N, C-alpha and C. Protein backbone atom coordinates (compact mmCIF):
# COMPACT_ATOMS: atom_id res chain seq x y z
N UNK A 1 0.86 -1.19 0.00
CA UNK A 1 0.00 0.00 0.00
C UNK A 1 0.89 1.24 0.00
N UNK A 2 0.59 2.17 -0.87
CA UNK A 2 1.40 3.39 -0.95
C UNK A 2 1.09 4.29 0.25
N UNK A 3 1.98 5.23 0.48
CA UNK A 3 1.78 6.19 1.56
C UNK A 3 0.49 6.97 1.39
N UNK A 4 0.17 7.31 0.14
CA UNK A 4 -1.05 8.07 -0.14
C UNK A 4 -2.29 7.21 0.13
N UNK A 5 -2.22 5.93 -0.26
CA UNK A 5 -3.34 5.01 -0.01
C UNK A 5 -3.58 4.85 1.49
N UNK A 6 -2.50 4.70 2.25
CA UNK A 6 -2.61 4.56 3.70
C UNK A 6 -3.23 5.81 4.30
N UNK A 7 -2.77 6.97 3.86
CA UNK A 7 -3.30 8.23 4.37
C UNK A 7 -4.81 8.34 4.09
N UNK A 8 -5.22 7.98 2.88
CA UNK A 8 -6.64 8.02 2.52
C UNK A 8 -7.46 7.03 3.34
N UNK A 9 -6.89 5.86 3.57
CA UNK A 9 -7.57 4.85 4.38
C UNK A 9 -7.72 5.35 5.82
N UNK A 10 -6.67 5.93 6.37
CA UNK A 10 -6.73 6.47 7.73
C UNK A 10 -7.72 7.62 7.83
N UNK A 11 -7.73 8.47 6.82
CA UNK A 11 -8.66 9.60 6.82
C UNK A 11 -10.10 9.09 6.82
N UNK A 12 -10.39 8.07 6.02
CA UNK A 12 -11.73 7.48 5.99
C UNK A 12 -12.10 6.87 7.34
N UNK A 13 -11.12 6.19 7.95
CA UNK A 13 -11.33 5.57 9.26
C UNK A 13 -11.64 6.64 10.30
N UNK A 14 -10.89 7.72 10.31
CA UNK A 14 -11.09 8.82 11.25
C UNK A 14 -12.46 9.46 11.03
N UNK A 15 -12.81 9.73 9.78
CA UNK A 15 -14.11 10.33 9.47
C UNK A 15 -15.25 9.45 9.96
N UNK A 16 -15.10 8.14 9.81
CA UNK A 16 -16.12 7.18 10.27
C UNK A 16 -16.22 7.21 11.80
N UNK A 17 -15.09 7.24 12.49
CA UNK A 17 -15.09 7.30 13.96
C UNK A 17 -15.76 8.58 14.45
N UNK A 18 -15.47 9.68 13.79
CA UNK A 18 -16.07 10.97 14.18
C UNK A 18 -17.58 10.94 13.96
N UNK A 19 -17.99 10.35 12.84
CA UNK A 19 -19.42 10.27 12.51
C UNK A 19 -20.17 9.40 13.51
N UNK A 20 -19.52 8.34 14.00
CA UNK A 20 -20.19 7.37 14.87
C UNK A 20 -20.17 7.72 16.35
N UNK A 21 -19.51 8.81 16.73
CA UNK A 21 -19.42 9.20 18.15
C UNK A 21 -19.72 10.69 18.31
N UNK A 22 -20.71 11.00 19.12
CA UNK A 22 -21.06 12.42 19.34
C UNK A 22 -19.93 13.17 20.02
N UNK A 23 -19.23 12.49 20.93
CA UNK A 23 -18.04 13.07 21.57
C UNK A 23 -16.92 12.06 21.41
N UNK A 24 -15.85 12.50 20.76
CA UNK A 24 -14.73 11.61 20.47
C UNK A 24 -13.43 12.29 20.84
N UNK A 25 -12.60 11.57 21.57
CA UNK A 25 -11.30 12.07 22.00
C UNK A 25 -10.23 11.18 21.39
N UNK A 26 -9.32 11.77 20.66
CA UNK A 26 -8.12 11.05 20.22
C UNK A 26 -7.04 11.40 21.22
N UNK A 27 -6.54 10.39 21.93
CA UNK A 27 -5.58 10.67 22.97
C UNK A 27 -4.54 9.58 23.12
N UNK A 28 -3.84 9.67 24.23
CA UNK A 28 -2.82 8.68 24.58
C UNK A 28 -3.42 7.79 25.66
N UNK A 29 -3.69 6.55 25.29
CA UNK A 29 -4.31 5.62 26.21
C UNK A 29 -5.79 5.50 25.94
N UNK A 30 -6.49 4.89 26.89
CA UNK A 30 -7.93 4.64 26.74
C UNK A 30 -8.70 5.41 27.80
N UNK A 31 -10.01 5.30 27.71
CA UNK A 31 -10.87 5.99 28.69
C UNK A 31 -10.59 5.48 30.11
N UNK A 32 -10.42 4.17 30.24
CA UNK A 32 -10.20 3.60 31.58
C UNK A 32 -8.73 3.59 31.98
N UNK A 33 -7.84 3.76 31.01
CA UNK A 33 -6.40 3.77 31.32
C UNK A 33 -5.68 4.83 30.49
N UNK A 34 -5.97 6.11 30.79
CA UNK A 34 -5.26 7.18 30.06
C UNK A 34 -3.77 7.09 30.34
N UNK A 35 -2.95 7.39 29.31
CA UNK A 35 -1.51 7.27 29.47
C UNK A 35 -0.80 8.62 29.43
N UNK A 36 -1.54 9.69 29.61
CA UNK A 36 -0.92 11.00 29.81
C UNK A 36 -1.90 11.87 30.59
N UNK A 37 -1.36 12.86 31.26
CA UNK A 37 -2.18 13.73 32.10
C UNK A 37 -3.24 14.49 31.32
N UNK A 38 -2.92 14.90 30.10
CA UNK A 38 -3.88 15.67 29.32
C UNK A 38 -5.06 14.82 28.88
N UNK A 39 -4.79 13.56 28.51
CA UNK A 39 -5.89 12.66 28.15
C UNK A 39 -6.74 12.39 29.39
N UNK A 40 -6.11 12.16 30.55
CA UNK A 40 -6.86 11.94 31.78
C UNK A 40 -7.73 13.15 32.11
N UNK A 41 -7.18 14.32 31.97
CA UNK A 41 -7.91 15.57 32.22
C UNK A 41 -9.14 15.68 31.31
N UNK A 42 -8.99 15.28 30.06
CA UNK A 42 -10.08 15.37 29.09
C UNK A 42 -11.17 14.35 29.42
N UNK A 43 -10.77 13.14 29.82
CA UNK A 43 -11.74 12.12 30.23
C UNK A 43 -12.52 12.63 31.44
N UNK A 44 -11.84 13.20 32.42
CA UNK A 44 -12.50 13.74 33.62
C UNK A 44 -13.44 14.88 33.26
N UNK A 45 -13.03 15.69 32.29
CA UNK A 45 -13.85 16.82 31.83
C UNK A 45 -15.21 16.31 31.35
N UNK A 46 -15.21 15.29 30.48
CA UNK A 46 -16.47 14.79 29.93
C UNK A 46 -17.22 13.90 30.91
N UNK A 47 -16.52 13.23 31.83
CA UNK A 47 -17.19 12.42 32.85
C UNK A 47 -18.16 13.28 33.66
N UNK A 48 -17.77 14.51 33.96
CA UNK A 48 -18.61 15.35 34.82
C UNK A 48 -19.90 15.79 34.11
N UNK A 49 -19.92 15.69 32.77
CA UNK A 49 -21.14 16.03 32.03
C UNK A 49 -22.04 14.82 31.82
N UNK A 50 -21.54 13.65 32.22
CA UNK A 50 -22.35 12.45 32.16
C UNK A 50 -22.94 12.19 30.77
N UNK A 51 -22.11 12.34 29.76
CA UNK A 51 -22.52 12.05 28.39
C UNK A 51 -21.65 10.91 27.85
N UNK A 52 -22.19 10.11 26.92
CA UNK A 52 -21.35 9.06 26.35
C UNK A 52 -20.25 9.66 25.49
N UNK A 53 -19.06 9.11 25.61
CA UNK A 53 -17.96 9.55 24.76
C UNK A 53 -16.99 8.39 24.56
N UNK A 54 -16.21 8.50 23.53
CA UNK A 54 -15.26 7.45 23.19
C UNK A 54 -13.86 8.05 23.17
N UNK A 55 -12.88 7.24 23.58
CA UNK A 55 -11.48 7.64 23.51
C UNK A 55 -10.78 6.66 22.57
N UNK A 56 -10.14 7.19 21.55
CA UNK A 56 -9.36 6.37 20.63
C UNK A 56 -7.89 6.57 20.95
N UNK A 57 -7.22 5.46 21.26
CA UNK A 57 -5.81 5.50 21.62
C UNK A 57 -4.96 5.57 20.35
N UNK A 58 -4.27 6.68 20.17
CA UNK A 58 -3.37 6.82 19.01
C UNK A 58 -1.91 6.97 19.45
N UNK A 59 -1.64 6.58 20.70
CA UNK A 59 -0.30 6.73 21.25
C UNK A 59 0.77 6.07 20.37
N UNK A 60 0.52 4.84 19.96
CA UNK A 60 1.52 4.11 19.18
C UNK A 60 1.19 4.03 17.70
N UNK A 61 0.30 4.89 17.23
CA UNK A 61 -0.11 4.86 15.82
C UNK A 61 0.28 6.19 15.16
N UNK A 62 1.58 6.32 14.86
CA UNK A 62 2.07 7.59 14.29
C UNK A 62 1.41 7.95 12.96
N UNK A 63 1.18 7.00 12.05
CA UNK A 63 0.52 7.39 10.80
C UNK A 63 -0.86 8.01 11.04
N UNK A 64 -1.62 7.44 11.99
CA UNK A 64 -2.94 7.99 12.28
C UNK A 64 -2.81 9.36 12.96
N UNK A 65 -1.85 9.50 13.85
CA UNK A 65 -1.64 10.78 14.52
C UNK A 65 -1.27 11.86 13.51
N UNK A 66 -0.39 11.51 12.56
CA UNK A 66 0.01 12.48 11.53
C UNK A 66 -1.18 12.87 10.65
N UNK A 67 -2.02 11.89 10.31
CA UNK A 67 -3.21 12.18 9.51
C UNK A 67 -4.15 13.10 10.28
N UNK A 68 -4.33 12.83 11.57
CA UNK A 68 -5.16 13.69 12.43
C UNK A 68 -4.59 15.11 12.49
N UNK A 69 -3.27 15.22 12.63
CA UNK A 69 -2.63 16.54 12.67
C UNK A 69 -2.93 17.33 11.41
N UNK A 70 -2.84 16.65 10.26
CA UNK A 70 -3.13 17.31 8.98
C UNK A 70 -4.60 17.71 8.88
N UNK A 71 -5.49 16.81 9.31
CA UNK A 71 -6.93 17.08 9.20
C UNK A 71 -7.37 18.24 10.09
N UNK A 72 -6.72 18.37 11.25
CA UNK A 72 -7.15 19.37 12.24
C UNK A 72 -6.26 20.60 12.28
N UNK A 73 -5.08 20.50 11.70
CA UNK A 73 -4.08 21.56 11.81
C UNK A 73 -3.79 21.86 13.28
N UNK A 74 -3.75 20.78 14.08
CA UNK A 74 -3.53 20.88 15.53
C UNK A 74 -2.47 19.85 15.89
N UNK A 75 -1.31 20.26 16.42
CA UNK A 75 -0.18 19.33 16.58
C UNK A 75 -0.24 18.42 17.81
N UNK A 76 -1.04 18.75 18.80
CA UNK A 76 -0.96 18.03 20.07
C UNK A 76 -2.17 17.14 20.31
N UNK A 77 -2.00 16.23 21.27
CA UNK A 77 -3.09 15.39 21.75
C UNK A 77 -3.44 15.84 23.16
N UNK A 78 -4.65 15.62 23.60
CA UNK A 78 -5.74 15.02 22.87
C UNK A 78 -6.39 15.97 21.87
N UNK A 79 -7.14 15.36 20.98
CA UNK A 79 -7.94 16.12 20.01
C UNK A 79 -9.40 15.75 20.27
N UNK A 80 -10.23 16.75 20.47
CA UNK A 80 -11.63 16.51 20.84
C UNK A 80 -12.56 16.94 19.70
N UNK A 81 -13.47 16.02 19.37
CA UNK A 81 -14.52 16.29 18.39
C UNK A 81 -15.86 16.18 19.10
N UNK A 82 -16.72 17.17 18.89
CA UNK A 82 -18.07 17.14 19.44
C UNK A 82 -19.03 17.33 18.27
N UNK A 83 -19.89 16.36 18.10
CA UNK A 83 -20.90 16.40 17.04
C UNK A 83 -20.27 16.64 15.67
N UNK A 84 -19.14 15.98 15.44
CA UNK A 84 -18.49 16.05 14.14
C UNK A 84 -17.55 17.22 13.93
N UNK A 85 -17.49 18.12 14.90
CA UNK A 85 -16.65 19.32 14.76
C UNK A 85 -15.45 19.23 15.70
N UNK A 86 -14.29 19.63 15.19
CA UNK A 86 -13.07 19.62 15.99
C UNK A 86 -13.01 20.85 16.90
N UNK A 87 -12.71 20.61 18.18
CA UNK A 87 -12.65 21.71 19.14
C UNK A 87 -11.29 21.94 19.77
N UNK A 88 -10.33 21.07 19.57
CA UNK A 88 -9.02 21.29 20.18
C UNK A 88 -8.80 20.38 21.35
N UNK A 89 -8.32 20.93 22.47
CA UNK A 89 -8.02 20.13 23.65
C UNK A 89 -8.67 20.76 24.88
N UNK A 90 -8.28 20.31 26.06
CA UNK A 90 -8.95 20.79 27.27
C UNK A 90 -8.72 22.27 27.53
N UNK A 91 -7.63 22.85 27.06
CA UNK A 91 -7.45 24.29 27.24
C UNK A 91 -8.60 25.04 26.57
N UNK A 92 -8.95 24.64 25.37
CA UNK A 92 -10.05 25.27 24.63
C UNK A 92 -11.38 24.95 25.32
N UNK A 93 -11.56 23.70 25.75
CA UNK A 93 -12.81 23.29 26.40
C UNK A 93 -13.01 24.03 27.71
N UNK A 94 -11.95 24.20 28.49
CA UNK A 94 -12.05 24.93 29.76
C UNK A 94 -12.50 26.36 29.51
N UNK A 95 -11.95 26.96 28.47
CA UNK A 95 -12.34 28.32 28.09
C UNK A 95 -13.82 28.38 27.70
N UNK A 96 -14.23 27.40 26.88
CA UNK A 96 -15.63 27.34 26.45
C UNK A 96 -16.55 27.11 27.65
N UNK A 97 -16.12 26.26 28.58
CA UNK A 97 -16.92 25.97 29.77
C UNK A 97 -17.09 27.24 30.61
N UNK A 98 -16.02 28.01 30.74
CA UNK A 98 -16.08 29.25 31.52
C UNK A 98 -17.09 30.23 30.92
N UNK A 99 -17.26 30.16 29.59
CA UNK A 99 -18.22 31.05 28.91
C UNK A 99 -19.62 30.43 28.86
N UNK A 100 -19.79 29.24 29.43
CA UNK A 100 -21.10 28.58 29.42
C UNK A 100 -21.46 27.97 28.07
N UNK A 101 -20.47 27.64 27.26
CA UNK A 101 -20.75 27.14 25.90
C UNK A 101 -20.80 25.62 25.79
N UNK A 102 -20.25 24.90 26.75
CA UNK A 102 -20.15 23.45 26.63
C UNK A 102 -21.51 22.76 26.80
N UNK A 103 -22.23 23.11 27.86
CA UNK A 103 -23.50 22.42 28.12
C UNK A 103 -24.49 22.54 26.96
N UNK A 104 -24.71 23.75 26.40
CA UNK A 104 -25.62 23.84 25.26
C UNK A 104 -25.11 23.05 24.05
N UNK A 105 -23.82 23.03 23.85
CA UNK A 105 -23.22 22.28 22.74
C UNK A 105 -23.50 20.79 22.90
N UNK A 106 -23.30 20.27 24.11
CA UNK A 106 -23.55 18.85 24.36
C UNK A 106 -25.03 18.52 24.26
N UNK A 107 -25.88 19.38 24.78
CA UNK A 107 -27.33 19.15 24.68
C UNK A 107 -27.76 19.11 23.23
N UNK A 108 -27.23 20.01 22.44
CA UNK A 108 -27.54 20.03 21.02
C UNK A 108 -27.04 18.76 20.33
N UNK A 109 -25.83 18.33 20.65
CA UNK A 109 -25.24 17.13 20.04
C UNK A 109 -26.08 15.89 20.34
N UNK A 110 -26.65 15.84 21.54
CA UNK A 110 -27.41 14.67 21.95
C UNK A 110 -28.94 14.88 21.84
N UNK A 111 -29.33 15.97 21.15
CA UNK A 111 -30.75 16.21 20.90
C UNK A 111 -31.56 16.47 22.15
N UNK A 112 -30.97 17.20 23.09
CA UNK A 112 -31.65 17.50 24.37
C UNK A 112 -31.96 18.98 24.50
N UNK A 113 -32.40 19.58 23.41
CA UNK A 113 -32.67 21.03 23.41
C UNK A 113 -33.66 21.40 24.50
């Protein structure tokens, strides 16, 4: 498989994961076993909102991480998607939470207007 084919395959895989999860975190480790403080912080952030979310471990998958970096133009992990839209990491989410923007966003994503 060529590098371009792999990149296209990974991009399709990522798009499918984003489509299938209202809240999706690409991080280091899993939801139950985060392998970095920032991923743990992000899991804790969404736990307090009591909404379903998925964590995809990309710690050892450099091709997928590079594809994600290109798709989001964001170099670091975790990467958070809510309702198909990329939002960044917990620094951005904390800012949004302070402005009261997270709860309405999550309610909208889960059809709880």
